[in-house]
């Protein structure tokens, strides 16, 4: 895989997919919290919120990893 293609995939495509999931999660969170929610629903949202934020943190540190290996 060429360097340019790798930069396009990891620089544009993956953050875009992450953003779509983040916006979907935020919409779901606002929808649930605008009404009454059971503990089960809130625990599910907490789990997926942690997963999404972990992926986001990994995307923040991914470019640093490529700089450190040079």
C-alpha atoms as a PDB file:
ATOM      1  CA  UNK A   1       0.000   0.000   0.000  1.00  0.00           C
ATOM      2  CA  UNK A   2       1.433   3.352  -0.936  1.00  0.00           C
ATOM      3  CA  UNK A   3       2.023   6.012   1.680  1.00  0.00           C
ATOM      4  CA  UNK A   4      -0.485   8.408   0.101  1.00  0.00           C
ATOM      5  CA  UNK A   5      -3.221   5.777   0.061  1.00  0.00           C
ATOM      6  CA  UNK A   6      -2.517   4.878   3.700  1.00  0.00           C
ATOM      7  CA  UNK A   7      -2.684   8.560   4.676  1.00  0.00           C
ATOM      8  CA  UNK A   8      -6.009   8.951   2.910  1.00  0.00           C
ATOM      9  CA  UNK A   9      -7.471   5.895   4.615  1.00  0.00           C
ATOM     10  CA  UNK A  10      -6.216   6.702   8.102  1.00  0.00           C
ATOM     11  CA  UNK A  11      -6.456  10.465   7.759  1.00  0.00           C
ATOM     12  CA  UNK A  12      -9.888  10.881   6.195  1.00  0.00           C
ATOM     13  CA  UNK A  13     -11.914   7.690   5.931  1.00  0.00           C
ATOM     14  CA  UNK A  14     -11.516   6.250   9.426  1.00  0.00           C
ATOM     15  CA  UNK A  15     -12.114   9.571  11.265  1.00  0.00           C
ATOM     16  CA  UNK A  16     -15.193  10.115   9.061  1.00  0.00           C
ATOM     17  CA  UNK A  17     -16.607   6.719  10.029  1.00  0.00           C
ATOM     18  CA  UNK A  18     -15.837   7.492  13.687  1.00  0.00           C
ATOM     19  CA  UNK A  19     -17.638  10.829  13.373  1.00  0.00           C
ATOM     20  CA  UNK A  20     -20.735   9.143  11.953  1.00  0.00           C
ATOM     21  CA  UNK A  21     -20.847   6.723  14.902  1.00  0.00           C
ATOM     22  CA  UNK A  22     -20.214   9.560  17.375  1.00  0.00           C
ATOM     23  CA  UNK A  23     -23.050  11.649  15.956  1.00  0.00           C
ATOM     24  CA  UNK A  24     -25.391   8.649  15.997  1.00  0.00           C
ATOM     25  CA  UNK A  25     -24.516   7.942  19.616  1.00  0.00           C
ATOM     26  CA  UNK A  26     -25.029  11.579  20.602  1.00  0.00           C
ATOM     27  CA  UNK A  27     -28.426  11.623  18.906  1.00  0.00           C
ATOM     28  CA  UNK A  28     -29.447   8.440  20.715  1.00  0.00           C
ATOM     29  CA  UNK A  29     -28.194   9.831  24.029  1.00  0.00           C
ATOM     30  CA  UNK A  30     -30.169  13.057  23.654  1.00  0.00           C
ATOM     31  CA  UNK A  31     -33.281  11.135  22.591  1.00  0.00           C
ATOM     32  CA  UNK A  32     -33.122   8.810  25.582  1.00  0.00           C
ATOM     33  CA  UNK A  33     -32.319  11.483  28.129  1.00  0.00           C
ATOM     34  CA  UNK A  34     -35.110  13.784  26.949  1.00  0.00           C
ATOM     35  CA  UNK A  35     -37.579  11.235  28.346  1.00  0.00           C
ATOM     36  CA  UNK A  36     -37.481   8.665  31.074  1.00  0.00           C
ATOM     37  CA  UNK A  37     -34.994   5.838  30.638  1.00  0.00           C
ATOM     38  CA  UNK A  38     -34.539   2.582  32.476  1.00  0.00           C
ATOM     39  CA  UNK A  39     -31.286   1.568  34.109  1.00  0.00           C
ATOM     40  CA  UNK A  40     -30.741  -1.071  31.416  1.00  0.00           C
ATOM     41  CA  UNK A  41     -30.859   1.516  28.627  1.00  0.00           C
ATOM     42  CA  UNK A  42     -28.524   3.847  30.510  1.00  0.00           C
ATOM     43  CA  UNK A  43     -26.028   1.040  31.151  1.00  0.00           C
ATOM     44  CA  UNK A  44     -26.063   0.169  27.438  1.00  0.00           C
ATOM     45  CA  UNK A  45     -25.448   3.792  26.517  1.00  0.00           C
ATOM     46  CA  UNK A  46     -22.644   3.981  29.065  1.00  0.00           C
ATOM     47  CA  UNK A  47     -20.977   0.911  27.571  1.00  0.00           C
ATOM     48  CA  UNK A  48     -21.162   2.173  23.994  1.00  0.00           C
ATOM     49  CA  UNK A  49     -20.072   5.640  25.091  1.00  0.00           C
ATOM     50  CA  UNK A  50     -16.936   4.150  26.611  1.00  0.00           C
ATOM     51  CA  UNK A  51     -16.275   2.094  23.478  1.00  0.00           C
ATOM     52  CA  UNK A  52     -16.682   5.091  21.185  1.00  0.00           C
ATOM     53  CA  UNK A  53     -14.530   7.349  23.363  1.00  0.00           C
ATOM     54  CA  UNK A  54     -11.824   4.652  23.478  1.00  0.00           C
ATOM     55  CA  UNK A  55     -11.791   4.465  19.701  1.00  0.00           C
ATOM     56  CA  UNK A  56     -11.609   8.262  19.534  1.00  0.00           C
ATOM     57  CA  UNK A  57      -8.675   8.306  21.920  1.00  0.00           C
ATOM     58  CA  UNK A  58      -6.951   5.677  19.807  1.00  0.00           C
ATOM     59  CA  UNK A  59      -7.451   7.848  16.727  1.00  0.00           C
ATOM     60  CA  UNK A  60      -5.839  10.764  18.556  1.00  0.00           C
ATOM     61  CA  UNK A  61      -2.742   8.738  19.444  1.00  0.00           C
ATOM     62  CA  UNK A  62      -2.452   6.875  16.124  1.00  0.00           C
ATOM     63  CA  UNK A  63      -0.630   9.709  14.279  1.00  0.00           C
ATOM     64  CA  UNK A  64       1.776  10.051  17.206  1.00  0.00           C
ATOM     65  CA  UNK A  65       2.667   6.377  16.874  1.00  0.00           C
ATOM     66  CA  UNK A  66       3.587   6.799  13.201  1.00  0.00           C
ATOM     67  CA  UNK A  67       5.776   9.837  14.006  1.00  0.00           C
ATOM     68  CA  UNK A  68       7.602   7.989  16.787  1.00  0.00           C
ATOM     69  CA  UNK A  69       8.480   5.050  14.518  1.00  0.00           C
ATOM     70  CA  UNK A  70      10.251   7.265  11.952  1.00  0.00           C
END
